[in-house]
Structure formats: C-alpha cells, structure tokens
Amino acid sequence: MASTTTNGVVLEVPYCIVRNIRNSRPWTLSVVGRDTRQYAYNQQQFRSFPAVPADASRDIFVYKGDVITFGLQAPCNDATAVAWELWLVDPTTGAEAKLTDIAFSQVWEKSIRVTIVDFDPVTWGVTYGIRRFDYS
C-alpha cells in the first residue's frame, strides 16, 4: 500500500486501487488529482508514474477527489466488457477488498471516467461517480 507521506509521517492512505487493467485493446489511463500543487505531477498535471512500459498488473493508488480516465482507441464492441477493477483500502489495517469491476455499458463507448467522491472510514464505503462516453 502506498501512502502519501512527508518526512516519514503518513498524511493520507489511498482510498482505492486501480488493479487488473484489461489488455484486450490498446488503452490509455490517466489519474488527475484534486490538488495539483500537493503531489508529484508531470507538466500535463497527471500523476507521475515510474518510467517503465505500461503494465496492466501494476497497481495505481487513488485518493479522494482523484479522477481516473480510461480510454480506448476504438469503441468497445462489448456492452459488458470490464476495463479494470476498483479495490478498497482499509485506512486502519491496510487490508484490501475488491469493490467493483469498472465496465463499459454500451458497444459505442470509448471512455470511462471515474471520480472518487468520498470515503467513510467507519463503514469502509467509497462513493464514486462514473461517466461513460464516446470521444468521437
């Protein structure tokens, strides 16, 4: 689990993890944070990831307020195709549990945008908004 830390002090644990990105089609994924001044971002204001080839098995940690955008080069041809899995993180123990599969809902969709809205540390509930659309 990756926490946001300063001088060894944990400021914030991740709310969710983007995991198991499907590789059936060429894709792009970006994570834009709620406060672009607070964390390490590149010049396009995307969170900086290690400079290695895209790896669908790599975990991407997201926090409250982050916007995750997943895009395909061509529309999805399956109305139930899963793009990736969203996992929860317990802030006290660091335990992980699968929340949901983020999937397309129409054959013409090319993009999914998920916003992590809120997290309840007592019930372990994550509120997120999801928007599916076509860029063309």
Protein backbone atom coordinates (compact mmCIF):
# COMPACT_ATOMS: atom_id res chain seq x y z
CA MET A 1 0.00 0.00 0.00
CA ALA A 2 1.33 3.44 -0.89
CA SER A 3 0.57 6.27 1.45
CA THR A 4 1.14 9.97 0.94
CA THR A 5 3.95 10.79 3.35
CA THR A 6 6.05 13.79 4.32
CA ASN A 7 9.23 13.22 6.36
CA GLY A 8 8.02 9.73 7.26
CA VAL A 9 4.63 10.92 8.56
CA VAL A 10 1.63 9.33 6.84
CA LEU A 11 -0.66 12.13 5.68
CA GLU A 12 -3.13 10.04 3.74
CA VAL A 13 -3.61 6.39 2.80
CA PRO A 14 -5.02 5.53 -0.63
CA TYR A 15 -8.79 5.22 -0.81
CA CYS A 16 -8.83 2.83 -3.73
CA ILE A 17 -6.56 0.89 -6.03
CA VAL A 18 -6.94 0.59 -9.80
CA ARG A 19 -5.96 -3.00 -10.48
CA ASN A 20 -6.07 -5.64 -13.25
CA ILE A 21 -6.44 -3.40 -16.28
CA ARG A 22 -7.65 -5.47 -19.23
CA ASN A 23 -5.30 -5.61 -22.21
CA SER A 24 -7.67 -6.81 -24.95
CA ARG A 25 -7.41 -3.46 -26.78
CA PRO A 26 -4.93 -0.57 -26.78
CA TRP A 27 -5.79 1.77 -23.89
CA THR A 28 -4.70 4.89 -22.06
CA LEU A 29 -5.23 5.68 -18.41
CA SER A 30 -4.76 8.95 -16.59
CA VAL A 31 -5.25 9.99 -12.99
CA VAL A 32 -5.71 13.68 -12.22
CA GLY A 33 -5.67 14.69 -8.57
CA ARG A 34 -7.81 17.09 -6.62
CA ASP A 35 -4.97 19.44 -5.80
CA THR A 36 -2.31 19.66 -8.47
CA ARG A 37 0.09 21.51 -6.14
CA GLN A 38 0.19 18.91 -3.39
CA TYR A 39 1.65 15.82 -5.07
CA ALA A 40 4.17 14.92 -7.77
CA TYR A 41 2.68 15.63 -11.18
CA ASN A 42 4.13 15.97 -14.65
CA GLN A 43 3.68 19.04 -16.85
CA GLN A 44 0.28 17.83 -18.12
CA GLN A 45 -0.92 17.69 -14.49
CA PHE A 46 -1.11 13.88 -14.50
CA ARG A 47 0.26 11.96 -11.54
CA SER A 48 3.75 10.78 -12.38
CA PHE A 49 4.26 7.04 -12.65
CA PRO A 50 7.56 5.18 -12.95
CA ALA A 51 9.07 5.43 -16.43
CA VAL A 52 8.56 1.80 -17.43
CA PRO A 53 6.47 0.22 -20.17
CA ALA A 54 2.72 0.09 -19.48
CA ASP A 55 1.99 -2.87 -17.27
CA ALA A 56 -1.58 -3.95 -16.59
CA SER A 57 -0.54 -5.74 -13.41
CA ARG A 58 0.76 -2.53 -11.79
CA ASP A 59 -1.39 -1.08 -9.00
CA ILE A 60 -2.37 2.58 -9.25
CA PHE A 61 -3.31 4.21 -5.96
CA VAL A 62 -6.05 6.83 -6.00
CA TYR A 63 -7.25 9.25 -3.35
CA LYS A 64 -10.39 11.22 -2.57
CA GLY A 65 -11.03 13.72 -5.35
CA ASP A 66 -8.98 11.90 -7.99
CA VAL A 67 -10.42 11.50 -11.49
CA ILE A 68 -9.48 8.30 -13.33
CA THR A 69 -9.97 8.38 -17.10
CA PHE A 70 -9.67 5.19 -19.16
CA GLY A 71 -9.83 5.43 -22.93
CA LEU A 72 -9.76 3.07 -25.90
CA GLN A 73 -8.55 3.86 -29.42
CA ALA A 74 -11.76 2.47 -30.93
CA PRO A 75 -15.22 1.97 -29.42
CA CYS A 76 -15.73 -1.09 -27.29
CA ASN A 77 -17.66 -3.82 -29.12
CA ASP A 78 -18.98 -5.48 -25.97
CA ALA A 79 -21.66 -3.87 -23.80
CA THR A 80 -20.37 -5.66 -20.70
CA ALA A 81 -16.57 -5.52 -21.19
CA VAL A 82 -14.64 -4.91 -17.97
CA ALA A 83 -11.97 -2.19 -18.21
CA TRP A 84 -10.39 -2.60 -14.74
CA GLU A 85 -11.10 -3.49 -11.11
CA LEU A 86 -11.50 -0.96 -8.30
CA TRP A 87 -10.30 -2.14 -4.87
CA LEU A 88 -10.88 -0.60 -1.42
CA VAL A 89 -8.20 0.00 1.19
CA ASP A 90 -8.96 -0.09 4.92
CA PRO A 91 -7.23 3.01 6.35
CA THR A 92 -6.52 1.41 9.72
CA THR A 93 -5.22 -2.03 8.75
CA GLY A 94 -4.24 -1.59 5.10
CA ALA A 95 -6.40 -4.58 4.16
CA GLU A 96 -7.69 -4.63 0.59
CA ALA A 97 -11.05 -5.78 -0.76
CA LYS A 98 -12.48 -5.71 -4.27
CA LEU A 99 -15.16 -3.01 -4.61
CA THR A 100 -16.33 -3.45 -8.20
CA ASP A 101 -15.46 -4.07 -11.82
CA ILE A 102 -15.49 -0.86 -13.86
CA ALA A 103 -17.06 -1.85 -17.16
CA PHE A 104 -18.46 -0.44 -20.36
CA SER A 105 -22.26 -0.41 -20.71
CA GLN A 106 -22.72 0.23 -24.47
CA VAL A 107 -20.93 -1.03 -27.58
CA TRP A 108 -20.14 2.51 -28.82
CA GLU A 109 -18.34 3.70 -25.70
CA LYS A 110 -14.66 4.61 -25.88
CA SER A 111 -14.01 6.12 -22.48
CA ILE A 112 -14.87 5.73 -18.81
CA ARG A 113 -14.29 8.45 -16.23
CA VAL A 114 -14.48 7.61 -12.52
CA THR A 115 -14.29 10.24 -9.77
CA ILE A 116 -13.55 9.15 -6.20
CA VAL A 117 -16.01 11.36 -4.31
CA ASP A 118 -15.90 10.30 -0.67
CA PHE A 119 -14.75 7.60 1.74
CA ASP A 120 -16.34 6.56 5.04
CA PRO A 121 -13.63 5.05 7.28
CA VAL A 122 -16.19 3.52 9.65
CA THR A 123 -18.22 1.54 7.12
CA TRP A 124 -15.42 1.26 4.55
CA GLY A 125 -17.76 2.73 1.99
CA VAL A 126 -16.47 4.55 -1.08
CA THR A 127 -18.69 6.89 -3.05
CA TYR A 128 -17.64 7.29 -6.65
CA GLY A 129 -19.16 8.79 -9.76
CA ILE A 130 -18.88 7.09 -13.13
CA ARG A 131 -19.37 8.53 -16.59
CA ARG A 132 -19.13 6.56 -19.82
CA PHE A 133 -18.89 8.33 -23.18
CA ASP A 134 -17.58 8.46 -26.72
CA TYR A 135 -14.92 10.99 -27.75
CA SER A 136 -15.70 10.96 -31.47
